């Protein structure tokens, strides 16, 4: 009996030491690899009159595009064995227009109680850009080929953003319940 208790004590001590050692090793690795939840970028909401904000043009891009024209390849002169050399002319260098911001953005933001949904609205479809729940709210997204739905829930509260585009431009509706 005493021999069995000694063996049980040795087994318990060895098992405890092994668990502690492996926990310390795993804990050290996982502590350095902890990730924070990603945050969504704020999107501009429509102005009070319903018109969208225009995106400012990036001054560096516009300046660099205007200062650096695209050179055309040089024309290589050729000589004919008999007769005069053909005349070669190089086309004038062409310039690409500087990138400009469009007056209307296709990304729209829909803030509702529980969170904010950003959709990229195209003439024939809508794409979810981001959905960010407010603190304490849960979010769920459903998509299909012709519609998408984002729900924000907290307890008995549930609010939704619906977008559908079945053969027509996207229609976005919100439901506050």
N, C-alpha and C. Protein backbone atom coordinates (compact mmCIF):
# COMPACT_ATOMS: atom_id res chain seq x y z
N UNK A 1 0.83 -1.18 0.00
CA UNK A 1 0.00 0.00 0.00
C UNK A 1 0.88 1.25 0.00
N UNK A 2 1.91 1.19 0.85
CA UNK A 2 2.78 2.35 0.92
C UNK A 2 3.52 2.56 -0.39
N UNK A 3 3.91 1.49 -1.04
CA UNK A 3 4.60 1.56 -2.32
C UNK A 3 3.70 2.20 -3.38
N UNK A 4 2.41 1.88 -3.37
CA UNK A 4 1.45 2.44 -4.32
C UNK A 4 1.27 3.94 -4.11
N UNK A 5 1.25 4.37 -2.83
CA UNK A 5 1.11 5.80 -2.54
C UNK A 5 2.35 6.58 -2.98
N UNK A 6 3.52 5.99 -2.82
CA UNK A 6 4.76 6.65 -3.26
C UNK A 6 4.74 6.80 -4.78
N UNK A 7 4.31 5.75 -5.47
CA UNK A 7 4.24 5.82 -6.93
C UNK A 7 3.19 6.85 -7.39
N UNK A 8 2.07 6.89 -6.71
CA UNK A 8 1.03 7.87 -7.04
C UNK A 8 1.54 9.29 -6.80
N UNK A 9 2.25 9.50 -5.72
CA UNK A 9 2.81 10.83 -5.43
C UNK A 9 3.85 11.22 -6.46
N UNK A 10 4.70 10.28 -6.86
CA UNK A 10 5.72 10.58 -7.88
C UNK A 10 5.05 10.90 -9.21
N UNK A 11 4.02 10.13 -9.55
CA UNK A 11 3.30 10.38 -10.82
C UNK A 11 2.63 11.75 -10.78
N UNK A 12 1.98 12.12 -9.67
CA UNK A 12 1.30 13.41 -9.56
C UNK A 12 2.31 14.55 -9.64
N UNK A 13 3.47 14.40 -9.00
CA UNK A 13 4.49 15.45 -9.04
C UNK A 13 5.04 15.61 -10.45
N UNK A 14 5.32 14.50 -11.14
CA UNK A 14 5.84 14.57 -12.50
C UNK A 14 4.80 15.16 -13.46
N UNK A 15 3.55 14.76 -13.31
CA UNK A 15 2.49 15.29 -14.18
C UNK A 15 2.29 16.78 -13.93
N UNK A 16 2.27 17.19 -12.67
CA UNK A 16 2.13 18.61 -12.36
C UNK A 16 3.28 19.43 -12.91
N UNK A 17 4.50 18.91 -12.80
CA UNK A 17 5.67 19.63 -13.33
C UNK A 17 5.59 19.73 -14.86
N UNK A 18 5.15 18.67 -15.52
CA UNK A 18 5.04 18.69 -16.98
C UNK A 18 3.97 19.67 -17.43
N UNK A 19 2.82 19.70 -16.77
CA UNK A 19 1.75 20.64 -17.13
C UNK A 19 2.21 22.08 -16.89
N UNK A 20 2.88 22.34 -15.78
CA UNK A 20 3.34 23.69 -15.49
C UNK A 20 4.38 24.14 -16.51
N UNK A 21 5.31 23.26 -16.85
CA UNK A 21 6.33 23.61 -17.82
C UNK A 21 5.73 23.89 -19.20
N UNK A 22 4.82 23.03 -19.65
CA UNK A 22 4.20 23.26 -20.96
C UNK A 22 3.33 24.51 -20.94
N UNK A 23 2.64 24.78 -19.83
CA UNK A 23 1.83 26.00 -19.75
C UNK A 23 2.70 27.25 -19.85
N UNK A 24 3.83 27.24 -19.15
CA UNK A 24 4.72 28.40 -19.21
C UNK A 24 5.26 28.60 -20.62
N UNK A 25 5.59 27.54 -21.33
CA UNK A 25 6.09 27.65 -22.70
C UNK A 25 5.03 28.16 -23.65
N UNK A 26 3.83 27.61 -23.57
CA UNK A 26 2.74 28.05 -24.44
C UNK A 26 2.33 29.47 -24.10
N UNK A 27 2.27 29.79 -22.84
CA UNK A 27 1.87 31.13 -22.41
C UNK A 27 2.86 32.19 -22.93
N UNK A 28 4.16 31.88 -22.88
CA UNK A 28 5.17 32.83 -23.37
C UNK A 28 5.02 33.06 -24.87
N UNK A 29 4.70 32.03 -25.62
CA UNK A 29 4.54 32.18 -27.07
C UNK A 29 3.26 32.94 -27.40
N UNK A 30 2.17 32.59 -26.74
CA UNK A 30 0.90 33.22 -27.06
C UNK A 30 0.81 34.66 -26.58
N UNK A 31 1.53 35.01 -25.55
CA UNK A 31 1.51 36.39 -25.06
C UNK A 31 2.05 37.34 -26.12
N UNK A 32 3.09 36.94 -26.82
CA UNK A 32 3.66 37.79 -27.87
C UNK A 32 2.83 37.80 -29.14
N UNK A 33 1.92 36.85 -29.30
CA UNK A 33 1.14 36.76 -30.54
C UNK A 33 -0.30 37.21 -30.37
N UNK A 34 -0.61 37.91 -29.30
CA UNK A 34 -1.98 38.36 -29.07
C UNK A 34 -2.32 39.44 -30.08
N UNK A 35 -3.50 39.35 -30.67
CA UNK A 35 -3.95 40.30 -31.67
C UNK A 35 -5.09 41.13 -31.12
N UNK A 36 -5.10 42.40 -31.50
CA UNK A 36 -6.23 43.24 -31.14
C UNK A 36 -7.27 43.15 -32.24
N UNK A 37 -8.51 43.39 -31.88
CA UNK A 37 -9.58 43.37 -32.86
C UNK A 37 -9.38 44.52 -33.83
N UNK A 38 -9.48 44.27 -35.15
CA UNK A 38 -9.28 45.36 -36.11
C UNK A 38 -10.36 46.42 -35.97
N UNK A 39 -10.00 47.64 -36.25
CA UNK A 39 -10.95 48.73 -36.19
C UNK A 39 -11.26 49.20 -37.60
N UNK A 40 -12.47 49.60 -37.83
CA UNK A 40 -12.88 50.08 -39.14
C UNK A 40 -12.52 51.55 -39.27
N UNK A 41 -12.21 51.95 -40.49
CA UNK A 41 -11.93 53.35 -40.75
C UNK A 41 -13.24 54.12 -40.78
N UNK A 42 -13.26 55.32 -40.26
CA UNK A 42 -14.50 56.09 -40.30
C UNK A 42 -14.79 56.53 -41.73
N UNK A 43 -16.03 56.41 -42.12
CA UNK A 43 -16.46 56.84 -43.44
C UNK A 43 -17.33 58.07 -43.30
N UNK A 44 -17.23 58.98 -44.24
CA UNK A 44 -18.05 60.19 -44.13
C UNK A 44 -19.52 59.85 -44.35
N UNK A 45 -20.36 60.40 -43.51
CA UNK A 45 -21.80 60.25 -43.67
C UNK A 45 -22.28 61.31 -44.64
N UNK A 46 -23.43 61.10 -45.27
CA UNK A 46 -23.94 62.13 -46.18
C UNK A 46 -24.18 63.43 -45.43
N UNK A 47 -24.12 64.54 -46.18
CA UNK A 47 -24.39 65.85 -45.60
C UNK A 47 -25.85 65.91 -45.19
N UNK A 48 -26.20 66.95 -44.46
CA UNK A 48 -27.57 67.08 -43.97
C UNK A 48 -28.58 67.14 -45.10
N UNK A 49 -28.19 67.70 -46.27
CA UNK A 49 -29.14 67.80 -47.38
C UNK A 49 -29.18 66.53 -48.22
N UNK A 50 -28.42 65.47 -47.83
CA UNK A 50 -28.46 64.19 -48.54
C UNK A 50 -27.39 64.04 -49.61
N UNK A 51 -26.64 65.10 -49.92
CA UNK A 51 -25.60 64.98 -50.93
C UNK A 51 -24.35 64.40 -50.29
N UNK A 52 -23.60 63.58 -51.04
CA UNK A 52 -22.41 62.97 -50.46
C UNK A 52 -21.25 63.95 -50.40
N UNK A 53 -20.34 63.68 -49.47
CA UNK A 53 -19.11 64.46 -49.40
C UNK A 53 -18.25 64.07 -50.58
N UNK A 54 -17.48 65.00 -51.13
CA UNK A 54 -16.56 64.65 -52.20
C UNK A 54 -15.21 64.35 -51.59
N UNK A 55 -14.50 63.39 -52.19
CA UNK A 55 -13.19 63.00 -51.69
C UNK A 55 -12.16 63.97 -52.21
N UNK A 56 -11.26 64.48 -51.37
CA UNK A 56 -10.23 65.39 -51.84
C UNK A 56 -9.20 64.64 -52.67
N UNK A 57 -8.68 65.29 -53.69
CA UNK A 57 -7.65 64.69 -54.52
C UNK A 57 -6.34 64.69 -53.77
N UNK A 58 -5.53 63.67 -53.99
CA UNK A 58 -4.22 63.61 -53.35
C UNK A 58 -3.29 64.55 -54.10
N UNK A 59 -2.78 65.62 -53.45
CA UNK A 59 -1.98 66.61 -54.17
C UNK A 59 -0.68 66.02 -54.72
N UNK A 60 -0.06 65.07 -54.01
CA UNK A 60 1.19 64.50 -54.49
C UNK A 60 0.98 63.72 -55.77
N UNK A 61 -0.10 62.97 -55.87
CA UNK A 61 -0.36 62.19 -57.07
C UNK A 61 -0.64 63.10 -58.24
N UNK A 62 -1.45 64.13 -58.05
CA UNK A 62 -1.78 65.02 -59.15
C UNK A 62 -0.54 65.76 -59.62
N UNK A 63 0.30 66.21 -58.70
CA UNK A 63 1.49 66.95 -59.07
C UNK A 63 2.47 66.04 -59.80
N UNK A 64 2.72 64.82 -59.32
CA UNK A 64 3.68 63.95 -59.97
C UNK A 64 3.20 63.50 -61.34
N UNK A 65 1.89 63.32 -61.51
CA UNK A 65 1.38 62.91 -62.81
C UNK A 65 1.48 64.07 -63.80
N UNK A 66 1.31 65.29 -63.35
CA UNK A 66 1.39 66.43 -64.26
C UNK A 66 2.83 66.75 -64.63
N UNK A 67 3.79 66.47 -63.76
CA UNK A 67 5.17 66.82 -64.01
C UNK A 67 5.91 65.75 -64.80
N UNK A 68 5.43 64.54 -64.81
CA UNK A 68 6.17 63.48 -65.49
C UNK A 68 5.34 62.93 -66.65
N UNK A 69 5.50 63.51 -67.85
CA UNK A 69 4.78 62.97 -68.99
C UNK A 69 5.33 61.60 -69.36
N UNK A 70 4.53 60.82 -70.01
CA UNK A 70 4.95 59.49 -70.44
C UNK A 70 5.70 59.64 -71.75
N UNK A 71 6.98 59.32 -71.77
CA UNK A 71 7.73 59.49 -73.00
C UNK A 71 7.37 58.39 -74.00
N UNK A 72 7.39 58.76 -75.26
CA UNK A 72 7.15 57.77 -76.29
C UNK A 72 8.49 57.15 -76.67
N UNK A 73 8.49 55.94 -77.15
CA UNK A 73 9.76 55.31 -77.50
C UNK A 73 10.41 56.05 -78.67
N UNK A 74 11.73 56.21 -78.65
CA UNK A 74 12.37 56.92 -79.74
C UNK A 74 12.27 56.12 -81.03
N UNK A 75 12.11 56.84 -82.12
CA UNK A 75 12.02 56.20 -83.43
C UNK A 75 13.43 55.88 -83.90
N UNK A 76 13.63 54.66 -84.32
CA UNK A 76 14.95 54.25 -84.79
C UNK A 76 15.06 54.56 -86.28
N UNK A 77 16.05 55.36 -86.68
CA UNK A 77 16.20 55.65 -88.10
C UNK A 77 16.66 54.40 -88.83
N UNK A 78 16.13 54.22 -89.98
CA UNK A 78 16.52 53.07 -90.79
C UNK A 78 17.12 53.59 -92.09
N UNK A 79 18.01 52.85 -92.62
CA UNK A 79 18.62 53.23 -93.90
C UNK A 79 18.28 52.17 -94.92
N UNK A 80 17.96 52.62 -96.09
CA UNK A 80 17.66 51.71 -97.20
C UNK A 80 18.92 51.52 -98.01
N UNK A 81 19.13 50.32 -98.58
CA UNK A 81 20.34 50.11 -99.35
C UNK A 81 20.38 50.99 -100.61
N UNK A 82 19.23 51.30 -101.19
CA UNK A 82 19.19 52.11 -102.39
C UNK A 82 18.20 53.24 -102.17
N UNK A 83 18.53 54.41 -102.54
CA UNK A 83 17.62 55.53 -102.47
C UNK A 83 17.76 56.29 -101.17
N UNK A 84 16.91 57.31 -101.01
CA UNK A 84 17.01 58.13 -99.81
C UNK A 84 16.49 57.40 -98.58
N UNK A 85 16.96 57.82 -97.45
CA UNK A 85 16.52 57.23 -96.19
C UNK A 85 15.09 57.66 -95.90
N UNK A 86 14.27 56.76 -95.41
CA UNK A 86 12.89 57.15 -95.10
C UNK A 86 12.87 58.16 -93.97
N UNK A 87 11.88 59.00 -94.01
CA UNK A 87 11.73 60.01 -92.97
C UNK A 87 10.96 59.39 -91.81
N UNK A 88 11.50 59.50 -90.62
CA UNK A 88 10.81 58.98 -89.44
C UNK A 88 10.50 60.15 -88.52
N UNK A 89 9.31 60.17 -88.03
CA UNK A 89 8.93 61.21 -87.07
C UNK A 89 8.45 60.54 -85.81
N UNK A 90 8.83 61.09 -84.72
CA UNK A 90 8.37 60.58 -83.43
C UNK A 90 7.07 61.29 -83.07
N UNK A 91 6.16 60.54 -82.53
CA UNK A 91 4.90 61.13 -82.10
C UNK A 91 5.17 62.03 -80.90
N UNK A 92 4.43 63.12 -80.77
CA UNK A 92 4.65 63.97 -79.60
C UNK A 92 4.32 63.19 -78.33
N UNK A 93 5.02 63.49 -77.24
CA UNK A 93 4.74 62.76 -76.01
C UNK A 93 3.29 62.99 -75.57
N UNK A 94 2.69 61.92 -75.13
CA UNK A 94 1.32 62.02 -74.66
C UNK A 94 1.32 62.19 -73.16
N UNK A 95 0.32 62.89 -72.66
CA UNK A 95 0.17 63.10 -71.21
C UNK A 95 -1.10 62.43 -70.76
N UNK A 96 -0.99 61.77 -69.67
CA UNK A 96 -2.19 61.22 -69.04
C UNK A 96 -2.81 62.32 -68.20
N UNK A 97 -4.12 62.40 -68.19
CA UNK A 97 -4.72 63.42 -67.33
C UNK A 97 -4.43 63.11 -65.87
N UNK A 98 -4.26 64.15 -65.11
CA UNK A 98 -4.01 63.98 -63.67
C UNK A 98 -5.23 63.34 -63.02
N UNK A 99 -5.00 62.41 -62.10
CA UNK A 99 -6.14 61.78 -61.45
C UNK A 99 -6.92 62.80 -60.64
N UNK A 100 -8.20 62.79 -60.81
CA UNK A 100 -9.05 63.71 -60.07
C UNK A 100 -10.06 62.93 -59.28
N UNK A 101 -10.50 63.48 -58.21
CA UNK A 101 -11.51 62.83 -57.38
C UNK A 101 -12.86 63.01 -58.05
N UNK A 102 -13.66 61.97 -57.99
CA UNK A 102 -14.99 62.07 -58.56
C UNK A 102 -15.87 62.85 -57.61
N UNK A 103 -16.88 63.49 -58.17
CA UNK A 103 -17.77 64.31 -57.36
C UNK A 103 -18.62 63.46 -56.42
N UNK A 104 -18.92 62.24 -56.84
CA UNK A 104 -19.73 61.37 -55.99
C UNK A 104 -18.97 60.08 -55.75
N UNK A 105 -19.00 59.64 -54.54
CA UNK A 105 -18.39 58.38 -54.17
C UNK A 105 -19.44 57.30 -54.18
N UNK A 106 -19.04 56.08 -54.51
CA UNK A 106 -20.02 55.01 -54.50
C UNK A 106 -20.14 54.37 -53.12
N UNK A 107 -19.27 54.72 -52.19
CA UNK A 107 -19.34 54.15 -50.85
C UNK A 107 -20.28 55.01 -50.00
N UNK A 108 -21.27 54.38 -49.43
CA UNK A 108 -22.25 55.07 -48.58
C UNK A 108 -22.22 54.45 -47.19
N UNK A 109 -22.43 55.30 -46.19
CA UNK A 109 -22.42 54.86 -44.81
C UNK A 109 -23.84 54.92 -44.27
N UNK A 110 -24.22 53.89 -43.50
CA UNK A 110 -25.55 53.81 -42.93
C UNK A 110 -25.43 53.58 -41.42
N UNK A 111 -25.42 54.65 -40.62
CA UNK A 111 -25.37 54.48 -39.17
C UNK A 111 -26.78 54.19 -38.64
N UNK A 112 -26.88 53.14 -37.84
CA UNK A 112 -28.15 52.79 -37.19
C UNK A 112 -27.83 52.49 -35.73
N UNK A 113 -28.84 52.48 -34.86
CA UNK A 113 -28.56 52.10 -33.48
C UNK A 113 -27.96 50.70 -33.43
N UNK A 114 -26.76 50.59 -32.90
CA UNK A 114 -26.09 49.30 -32.80
C UNK A 114 -24.84 49.22 -33.65
N UNK A 115 -24.69 50.11 -34.62
CA UNK A 115 -23.48 50.05 -35.44
C UNK A 115 -23.57 50.87 -36.69
N UNK A 116 -22.58 50.68 -37.54
CA UNK A 116 -22.48 51.44 -38.78
C UNK A 116 -22.11 50.48 -39.91
N UNK A 117 -22.79 50.61 -41.05
CA UNK A 117 -22.55 49.76 -42.21
C UNK A 117 -22.10 50.64 -43.36
N UNK A 118 -21.05 50.24 -44.06
CA UNK A 118 -20.58 50.95 -45.25
C UNK A 118 -20.73 50.02 -46.44
N UNK A 119 -21.42 50.50 -47.48
CA UNK A 119 -21.67 49.71 -48.68
C UNK A 119 -21.09 50.43 -49.89
N UNK A 120 -20.51 49.67 -50.80
CA UNK A 120 -20.06 50.19 -52.08
C UNK A 120 -21.17 49.92 -53.08
N UNK A 121 -21.85 50.97 -53.52
CA UNK A 121 -23.01 50.82 -54.40
C UNK A 121 -22.58 51.02 -55.85
N UNK A 122 -22.74 49.98 -56.66
CA UNK A 122 -22.48 50.03 -58.10
C UNK A 122 -23.83 50.03 -58.80
N UNK A 123 -23.88 50.32 -60.09
CA UNK A 123 -25.17 50.33 -60.79
C UNK A 123 -25.90 48.98 -60.76
N UNK A 124 -25.15 47.88 -60.65
CA UNK A 124 -25.79 46.57 -60.73
C UNK A 124 -25.63 45.70 -59.49
N UNK A 125 -24.97 46.22 -58.44
CA UNK A 125 -24.76 45.41 -57.23
C UNK A 125 -24.32 46.30 -56.07
N UNK A 126 -24.32 45.72 -54.89
CA UNK A 126 -23.80 46.38 -53.69
C UNK A 126 -22.80 45.43 -53.03
N UNK A 127 -21.74 46.00 -52.49
CA UNK A 127 -20.72 45.21 -51.83
C UNK A 127 -20.51 45.76 -50.43
N UNK A 128 -20.40 44.88 -49.45
CA UNK A 128 -20.15 45.29 -48.07
C UNK A 128 -18.69 45.72 -47.94
N UNK A 129 -18.48 46.96 -47.51
CA UNK A 129 -17.14 47.47 -47.26
C UNK A 129 -16.76 47.19 -45.82
N UNK A 130 -17.62 47.58 -44.88
CA UNK A 130 -17.37 47.30 -43.46
C UNK A 130 -18.67 47.36 -42.70
N UNK A 131 -18.68 46.66 -41.59
CA UNK A 131 -19.80 46.70 -40.66
C UNK A 131 -19.18 46.70 -39.26
N UNK A 132 -19.41 47.77 -38.52
CA UNK A 132 -18.79 47.93 -37.21
C UNK A 132 -19.85 48.05 -36.14
N UNK A 133 -19.93 47.07 -35.24
CA UNK A 133 -20.92 47.17 -34.17
C UNK A 133 -20.46 48.15 -33.09
N UNK A 134 -21.42 48.80 -32.46
CA UNK A 134 -21.14 49.66 -31.33
C UNK A 134 -20.76 48.77 -30.13
N UNK A 135 -20.12 49.34 -29.10
CA UNK A 135 -19.77 48.53 -27.93
C UNK A 135 -21.01 47.89 -27.31
N UNK A 136 -20.90 46.60 -27.02
CA UNK A 136 -22.00 45.86 -26.41
C UNK A 136 -22.96 45.23 -27.41
N UNK A 137 -22.80 45.49 -28.68
CA UNK A 137 -23.67 44.95 -29.72
C UNK A 137 -22.96 43.82 -30.46
N UNK A 138 -23.76 42.90 -30.97
CA UNK A 138 -23.26 41.79 -31.79
C UNK A 138 -23.67 42.06 -33.23
N UNK A 139 -22.91 41.52 -34.18
CA UNK A 139 -23.20 41.74 -35.59
C UNK A 139 -23.24 40.41 -36.33
N UNK A 140 -24.11 40.32 -37.31
CA UNK A 140 -24.18 39.13 -38.16
C UNK A 140 -24.47 39.59 -39.59
N UNK A 141 -23.83 38.96 -40.57
CA UNK A 141 -23.96 39.34 -41.98
C UNK A 141 -24.44 38.14 -42.78
N UNK A 142 -25.43 38.38 -43.64
CA UNK A 142 -25.91 37.38 -44.60
C UNK A 142 -25.76 37.97 -45.99
N UNK A 143 -25.30 37.15 -46.94
CA UNK A 143 -25.20 37.61 -48.32
C UNK A 143 -25.72 36.54 -49.27
N UNK A 144 -26.18 37.01 -50.41
CA UNK A 144 -26.62 36.14 -51.49
C UNK A 144 -26.25 36.86 -52.77
N UNK A 145 -26.52 36.28 -53.91
CA UNK A 145 -26.17 36.90 -55.17
C UNK A 145 -26.92 38.18 -55.47
N UNK A 146 -28.09 38.38 -54.87
CA UNK A 146 -28.91 39.54 -55.19
C UNK A 146 -29.27 40.40 -53.98
N UNK A 147 -28.74 40.11 -52.81
CA UNK A 147 -29.06 40.90 -51.62
C UNK A 147 -28.00 40.66 -50.55
N UNK A 148 -27.99 41.55 -49.57
CA UNK A 148 -27.18 41.34 -48.37
C UNK A 148 -27.91 41.97 -47.19
N UNK A 149 -27.60 41.47 -46.00
CA UNK A 149 -28.26 41.93 -44.78
C UNK A 149 -27.23 41.96 -43.67
N UNK A 150 -27.25 43.04 -42.88
CA UNK A 150 -26.39 43.16 -41.71
C UNK A 150 -27.29 43.43 -40.52
N UNK A 151 -27.18 42.60 -39.48
CA UNK A 151 -27.97 42.76 -38.26
C UNK A 151 -27.06 43.14 -37.11
N UNK A 152 -27.52 44.07 -36.28
CA UNK A 152 -26.87 44.41 -35.02
C UNK A 152 -27.85 44.04 -33.92
N UNK A 153 -27.42 43.20 -32.96
CA UNK A 153 -28.31 42.74 -31.90
C UNK A 153 -27.66 42.98 -30.54
N UNK A 154 -28.55 43.24 -29.57
CA UNK A 154 -28.15 43.35 -28.17
C UNK A 154 -29.38 43.01 -27.36
N UNK A 155 -29.34 41.91 -26.66
CA UNK A 155 -30.50 41.48 -25.87
C UNK A 155 -31.70 41.27 -26.78
N UNK A 156 -32.81 41.98 -26.51
CA UNK A 156 -34.01 41.87 -27.33
C UNK A 156 -34.02 42.84 -28.50
N UNK A 157 -33.04 43.74 -28.58
CA UNK A 157 -33.00 44.72 -29.65
C UNK A 157 -32.32 44.13 -30.89
N UNK A 158 -32.85 44.46 -32.07
CA UNK A 158 -32.25 44.03 -33.32
C UNK A 158 -32.53 45.09 -34.38
N UNK A 159 -31.49 45.59 -35.02
CA UNK A 159 -31.61 46.59 -36.08
C UNK A 159 -30.85 46.08 -37.30
N UNK A 160 -31.37 46.39 -38.49
CA UNK A 160 -30.81 45.79 -39.70
C UNK A 160 -30.64 46.80 -40.82
N UNK A 161 -29.70 46.50 -41.71
CA UNK A 161 -29.53 47.20 -42.97
C UNK A 161 -29.67 46.15 -44.06
N UNK A 162 -30.59 46.39 -45.01
CA UNK A 162 -30.83 45.49 -46.13
C UNK A 162 -30.42 46.19 -47.42
N UNK A 163 -29.81 45.45 -48.35
CA UNK A 163 -29.54 45.96 -49.70
C UNK A 163 -29.96 44.88 -50.68
N UNK A 164 -30.73 45.27 -51.70
CA UNK A 164 -31.14 44.31 -52.73
C UNK A 164 -30.95 44.94 -54.09
N UNK A 165 -30.61 44.09 -55.08
CA UNK A 165 -30.35 44.59 -56.44
C UNK A 165 -30.73 43.55 -57.48
N UNK A 166 -31.86 42.96 -57.35
CA UNK A 166 -32.32 41.90 -58.25
C UNK A 166 -32.83 42.50 -59.56
N UNK A 167 -31.94 42.76 -60.51
CA UNK A 167 -32.32 43.31 -61.80
C UNK A 167 -32.53 44.81 -61.79
N UNK A 168 -32.18 45.49 -60.74
CA UNK A 168 -32.33 46.95 -60.64
C UNK A 168 -31.16 47.49 -59.83
N UNK A 169 -30.94 48.79 -59.86
CA UNK A 169 -29.87 49.36 -59.03
C UNK A 169 -30.15 49.05 -57.56
N UNK A 170 -29.10 48.99 -56.76
CA UNK A 170 -29.28 48.62 -55.35
C UNK A 170 -30.23 49.55 -54.60
N UNK A 171 -31.07 48.94 -53.79
CA UNK A 171 -31.97 49.65 -52.89
C UNK A 171 -31.55 49.29 -51.48
N UNK A 172 -31.30 50.30 -50.66
CA UNK A 172 -30.85 50.07 -49.28
C UNK A 172 -31.97 50.51 -48.34
N UNK A 173 -32.33 49.64 -47.41
CA UNK A 173 -33.36 49.92 -46.41
C UNK A 173 -32.79 49.62 -45.03
N UNK A 174 -33.25 50.38 -44.04
CA UNK A 174 -32.86 50.11 -42.66
C UNK A 174 -34.11 49.78 -41.87
N UNK A 175 -33.95 48.88 -40.91
CA UNK A 175 -35.06 48.49 -40.05
C UNK A 175 -34.61 48.65 -38.60
N UNK A 176 -35.30 49.53 -37.88
CA UNK A 176 -35.04 49.78 -36.47
C UNK A 176 -36.18 49.16 -35.70
N UNK A 177 -35.88 48.15 -34.88
CA UNK A 177 -36.95 47.46 -34.15
C UNK A 177 -36.75 47.63 -32.67
